[in-house]
């Protein structure tokens, strides 16, 4: 392994940041969407297929989230979902963060319930 590979491994993100279109592709292939926002935010509207796992709960347990499929984290704007994706990746998940969060989801015209 070269020096650059070592640096990337040490300082690179262990998860991928994706846009809404890529998230939809992954969801169509069986990925799990977890919404890491608070209960109050969750009630204001969510992606229909999302599973609610607030970030504070995710920090103590990933039970109920299958490791056999990719996991996409979503929050309001993308900051908490990046933390969630980092945590999931550290626990062996194929993790993604939705860039722009639910704001991007809504702007893309995706369904919200």
C-alpha atoms as a PDB file:
ATOM      1  CA  UNK A   1       0.000   0.000   0.000  1.00  0.00           C
ATOM      2  CA  UNK A   2       1.423   3.387  -0.997  1.00  0.00           C
ATOM      3  CA  UNK A   3       1.564   6.518   1.093  1.00  0.00           C
ATOM      4  CA  UNK A   4      -1.537   8.025  -0.552  1.00  0.00           C
ATOM      5  CA  UNK A   5      -3.542   4.863   0.079  1.00  0.00           C
ATOM      6  CA  UNK A   6      -2.498   4.978   3.724  1.00  0.00           C
ATOM      7  CA  UNK A   7      -3.498   8.651   4.010  1.00  0.00           C
ATOM      8  CA  UNK A   8      -6.878   8.013   2.329  1.00  0.00           C
ATOM      9  CA  UNK A   9      -7.572   5.114   4.640  1.00  0.00           C
ATOM     10  CA  UNK A  10      -6.607   7.131   7.723  1.00  0.00           C
ATOM     11  CA  UNK A  11      -8.448  10.338   6.831  1.00  0.00           C
ATOM     12  CA  UNK A  12     -11.065   9.370   4.240  1.00  0.00           C
ATOM     13  CA  UNK A  13     -14.725   8.922   5.021  1.00  0.00           C
ATOM     14  CA  UNK A  14     -15.781   5.332   5.612  1.00  0.00           C
ATOM     15  CA  UNK A  15     -19.170   5.996   3.995  1.00  0.00           C
ATOM     16  CA  UNK A  16     -20.444   7.521   0.749  1.00  0.00           C
ATOM     17  CA  UNK A  17     -22.465  10.711   0.328  1.00  0.00           C
ATOM     18  CA  UNK A  18     -25.135  10.331  -2.348  1.00  0.00           C
ATOM     19  CA  UNK A  19     -27.802  12.415  -4.043  1.00  0.00           C
ATOM     20  CA  UNK A  20     -31.525  11.664  -4.174  1.00  0.00           C
ATOM     21  CA  UNK A  21     -31.330   9.919  -7.567  1.00  0.00           C
ATOM     22  CA  UNK A  22     -28.670   7.476  -6.310  1.00  0.00           C
ATOM     23  CA  UNK A  23     -30.611   6.941  -3.081  1.00  0.00           C
ATOM     24  CA  UNK A  24     -33.685   5.994  -5.114  1.00  0.00           C
ATOM     25  CA  UNK A  25     -31.606   3.497  -7.124  1.00  0.00           C
ATOM     26  CA  UNK A  26     -30.284   1.903  -3.939  1.00  0.00           C
ATOM     27  CA  UNK A  27     -33.755   1.799  -2.381  1.00  0.00           C
ATOM     28  CA  UNK A  28     -35.044   0.099  -5.515  1.00  0.00           C
ATOM     29  CA  UNK A  29     -32.362  -2.547  -5.021  1.00  0.00           C
ATOM     30  CA  UNK A  30     -33.347  -3.239  -1.415  1.00  0.00           C
ATOM     31  CA  UNK A  31     -31.418  -0.668   0.630  1.00  0.00           C
ATOM     32  CA  UNK A  32     -32.803   0.467   3.980  1.00  0.00           C
ATOM     33  CA  UNK A  33     -33.563   4.159   4.549  1.00  0.00           C
ATOM     34  CA  UNK A  34     -33.213   5.327   8.142  1.00  0.00           C
ATOM     35  CA  UNK A  35     -34.361   8.768   9.227  1.00  0.00           C
ATOM     36  CA  UNK A  36     -32.169   9.971  12.102  1.00  0.00           C
ATOM     37  CA  UNK A  37     -34.125  13.152  12.899  1.00  0.00           C
ATOM     38  CA  UNK A  38     -35.949  13.796  16.165  1.00  0.00           C
ATOM     39  CA  UNK A  39     -39.499  12.541  16.737  1.00  0.00           C
ATOM     40  CA  UNK A  40     -40.825  16.076  16.238  1.00  0.00           C
ATOM     41  CA  UNK A  41     -39.035  16.409  12.880  1.00  0.00           C
ATOM     42  CA  UNK A  42     -40.199  12.917  11.843  1.00  0.00           C
ATOM     43  CA  UNK A  43     -43.823  13.986  12.376  1.00  0.00           C
ATOM     44  CA  UNK A  44     -43.400  16.951   9.990  1.00  0.00           C
ATOM     45  CA  UNK A  45     -43.000  14.583   7.041  1.00  0.00           C
ATOM     46  CA  UNK A  46     -40.872  11.638   6.017  1.00  0.00           C
ATOM     47  CA  UNK A  47     -40.043   9.460   3.064  1.00  0.00           C
ATOM     48  CA  UNK A  48     -42.685   6.698   2.939  1.00  0.00           C
ATOM     49  CA  UNK A  49     -40.148   3.860   3.136  1.00  0.00           C
ATOM     50  CA  UNK A  50     -38.068   5.395   5.951  1.00  0.00           C
ATOM     51  CA  UNK A  51     -37.544   3.694   9.280  1.00  0.00           C
ATOM     52  CA  UNK A  52     -37.256   6.117  12.229  1.00  0.00           C
ATOM     53  CA  UNK A  53     -34.044   5.641  14.201  1.00  0.00           C
ATOM     54  CA  UNK A  54     -33.119   8.921  15.932  1.00  0.00           C
ATOM     55  CA  UNK A  55     -29.384   9.615  15.958  1.00  0.00           C
ATOM     56  CA  UNK A  56     -29.136   9.465  19.755  1.00  0.00           C
ATOM     57  CA  UNK A  57     -30.648   5.968  19.731  1.00  0.00           C
ATOM     58  CA  UNK A  58     -28.440   4.880  16.837  1.00  0.00           C
ATOM     59  CA  UNK A  59     -25.398   5.917  18.888  1.00  0.00           C
ATOM     60  CA  UNK A  60     -26.276   3.265  21.473  1.00  0.00           C
ATOM     61  CA  UNK A  61     -27.705   0.497  19.292  1.00  0.00           C
ATOM     62  CA  UNK A  62     -27.924  -0.577  15.667  1.00  0.00           C
ATOM     63  CA  UNK A  63     -30.219  -3.506  16.437  1.00  0.00           C
ATOM     64  CA  UNK A  64     -32.976  -3.990  13.912  1.00  0.00           C
ATOM     65  CA  UNK A  65     -30.896  -2.637  11.034  1.00  0.00           C
ATOM     66  CA  UNK A  66     -29.809  -5.426   8.699  1.00  0.00           C
ATOM     67  CA  UNK A  67     -26.135  -5.578   7.777  1.00  0.00           C
ATOM     68  CA  UNK A  68     -26.943  -7.590   4.658  1.00  0.00           C
ATOM     69  CA  UNK A  69     -28.246  -4.565   2.759  1.00  0.00           C
ATOM     70  CA  UNK A  70     -26.976  -1.012   2.214  1.00  0.00           C
ATOM     71  CA  UNK A  71     -28.215   1.602   4.690  1.00  0.00           C
ATOM     72  CA  UNK A  72     -28.954   5.204   3.728  1.00  0.00           C
ATOM     73  CA  UNK A  73     -29.177   7.755   6.536  1.00  0.00           C
ATOM     74  CA  UNK A  74     -31.266  10.904   6.111  1.00  0.00           C
ATOM     75  CA  UNK A  75     -31.791  13.921   8.370  1.00  0.00           C
ATOM     76  CA  UNK A  76     -32.987  17.479   7.741  1.00  0.00           C
ATOM     77  CA  UNK A  77     -29.975  18.764   5.798  1.00  0.00           C
ATOM     78  CA  UNK A  78     -27.266  16.082   5.707  1.00  0.00           C
ATOM     79  CA  UNK A  79     -25.162  16.842   8.798  1.00  0.00           C
ATOM     80  CA  UNK A  80     -26.621  14.284  11.235  1.00  0.00           C
ATOM     81  CA  UNK A  81     -26.980  11.708   8.475  1.00  0.00           C
ATOM     82  CA  UNK A  82     -23.224  11.989   7.855  1.00  0.00           C
ATOM     83  CA  UNK A  83     -22.614  11.237  11.554  1.00  0.00           C
ATOM     84  CA  UNK A  84     -25.026   8.314  11.345  1.00  0.00           C
ATOM     85  CA  UNK A  85     -23.378   6.942   8.196  1.00  0.00           C
ATOM     86  CA  UNK A  86     -19.933   7.228   9.815  1.00  0.00           C
ATOM     87  CA  UNK A  87     -21.187   5.332  12.870  1.00  0.00           C
ATOM     88  CA  UNK A  88     -22.848   2.656  10.736  1.00  0.00           C
ATOM     89  CA  UNK A  89     -19.743   2.202   8.584  1.00  0.00           C
ATOM     90  CA  UNK A  90     -17.638   1.816  11.738  1.00  0.00           C
ATOM     91  CA  UNK A  91     -19.987  -1.014  12.725  1.00  0.00           C
ATOM     92  CA  UNK A  92     -19.584  -2.873   9.431  1.00  0.00           C
ATOM     93  CA  UNK A  93     -22.522  -1.517   7.425  1.00  0.00           C
ATOM     94  CA  UNK A  94     -22.423  -0.454   3.770  1.00  0.00           C
ATOM     95  CA  UNK A  95     -23.438   3.084   4.741  1.00  0.00           C
ATOM     96  CA  UNK A  96     -24.528   6.169   2.824  1.00  0.00           C
ATOM     97  CA  UNK A  97     -25.553   9.707   3.777  1.00  0.00           C
ATOM     98  CA  UNK A  98     -28.195  11.517   1.730  1.00  0.00           C
ATOM     99  CA  UNK A  99     -26.692  14.846   0.640  1.00  0.00           C
ATOM    100  CA  UNK A 100     -29.078  17.669   1.485  1.00  0.00           C
ATOM    101  CA  UNK A 101     -31.322  15.476   3.646  1.00  0.00           C
ATOM    102  CA  UNK A 102     -35.089  15.748   3.569  1.00  0.00           C
ATOM    103  CA  UNK A 103     -34.792  19.242   2.081  1.00  0.00           C
ATOM    104  CA  UNK A 104     -33.167  17.706  -1.017  1.00  0.00           C
ATOM    105  CA  UNK A 105     -35.703  14.852  -0.998  1.00  0.00           C
ATOM    106  CA  UNK A 106     -38.571  17.355  -1.105  1.00  0.00           C
ATOM    107  CA  UNK A 107     -36.892  19.563  -3.756  1.00  0.00           C
ATOM    108  CA  UNK A 108     -36.524  16.479  -5.952  1.00  0.00           C
ATOM    109  CA  UNK A 109     -40.308  16.019  -5.774  1.00  0.00           C
ATOM    110  CA  UNK A 110     -40.089  12.704  -3.943  1.00  0.00           C
ATOM    111  CA  UNK A 111     -43.103  11.609  -1.888  1.00  0.00           C
ATOM    112  CA  UNK A 112     -43.417  12.701   1.734  1.00  0.00           C
ATOM    113  CA  UNK A 113     -46.037  11.506   4.142  1.00  0.00           C
END
